[in-house]
Amino acid sequence: MAFKSLVLGATLATSLAIPALGHAKSLEDLLVEKGVITRAEASSNTAAAGAKILYKGGTRFEFPDSGFTSQFNTQIQSRYVYTDNDKKDDTSSFEMRRVRLIVSGTALHNEFNYFLQADFVGTKNEDGARVPDVRDAYIQWNPSESVGLRMGQFKVFVSRQESNSSSKLQFADRSVASNLFELGRQGGLSGRYTGMDGNLFLGAGIWNGESDGEGRNKPGTDTRHTGAVTARYTAIGKMDAMEEGDLSHTESAALNFGFAFAYGQTNEGGDKIDKHTVDADVNLKYQGASVHSEFFYRKLDADGSSESVEPLAFYLQGGYFVVPEKVELAARYGFADCDDGAYGELNCSGNDKVQQVTAGVNYFFWKHSLKAQLNWDWIRGEPVDESAEDVDTNRIIFQVSSLF
């Protein structure tokens, strides 16, 4: 013990006498190099000085003295899908829906926060194989507890369901309605305000846009941008509208409303198109029961055309925990009017209308951190050609989802 104290004093004196060396390596590192203490002892000493390693919705590192935190999460969604196709062969497939690494944290005592999310099965290449890509990457400055200014790549303020984390969805997939109208992730800048004890959220932002060659992980190709504003208000009670279902078993009824508007210009086939998107949603939770509904409207005006394309869509879904915090039953209906087939996105391509019915049962092993979902999903496409038959697609999806 005396020998260790002697070496400790000598090392400390050396580090004080040679500032450059002291700045390059910590005292604990020098002691480990000289064999005075072990790496485990050094880590213990650092923790005693205030550093913390804990699990708090993820593996979290906290350094109170410097005001810095960092958290690591992994998300895995593995699923089996059987698809009964109306006009082509059926398929049976095991697949990885999401395999993500998420790094987040704060700096300068919460004045800044950062978020990075990469997906190892993010997008499809020309051969149809899934390849990694960056989903979100941004830095946010928080001049006060209520105000935030975010810059980087993140989701545009359209569709509550799209803005919601995929780990907190009531079904394995989002509705056809939200898939048709969401604007995805783009590079941009947004301002955010949260007030009234968290019951009010206001946001406004500008993103690169949707011209040819723009989008996720792609730079802007012109001077046109997409702008969006949003507002969300919890009128009754307390609710996290970004978490579908009532896993927390809300004791008193909670009611939340949301609204978003986006405007941008796109290029399609050489034509400039003005795109207006309106989105409104309502959410209700009470003692294990939940209702989520969302309405979408879009107006597309092309140069040289006297007529606008005006698709609309909505979904209504609800759930109830038959076993509190463990087993939830849920159902959903979705509808899209593709404006006589003029709107040719995704399921609307070639169809005048699209309908969707989904039923599911969810089992929660550990809240949203570990759950299993079994869904039956029916989608009907009603072709523009009235002489053609409707096309029905049935899917059975079993998904195991984790977020650690």
Foldseek 3Di string as FASTA:
>chain_A
DVVLVVVLVVLVVVCVVDVVVCVVDPSLVVCCVVVSDPPVVSVVVQVVVPWDFDDDLFTKTDDVVFLKIKGKKWKWKWKWKWKDWFPDDTDTDTDTPWTKIKMKIAGPNNQKIWIWMKTQQPDQDPVRGGGIDTAWTWMWGHPDPFKIKIFFKDFDPADLQVNADCLQDPANDDDPQCVQAGPGIFGWMKMWGADPVRFKIKMKIKGLAAAPQGDPPGHRDDDWIKIKIKMKGWPDDDDDSSHPWPLVQDADKIKMKMKMWMWTWYADPNWIKIKIKIKIKMWIDHRFKIKIKMKIWMWIDTPPDPDIFIKIKMKIKMWGAPPRNFKIKMKMKIKIQRRLLPNCPDLSNQARMKIKIKIKMKGDPPRSQWIKIWMWMKMWGHGSPNVDDIIIMIMIMIMIIHMD
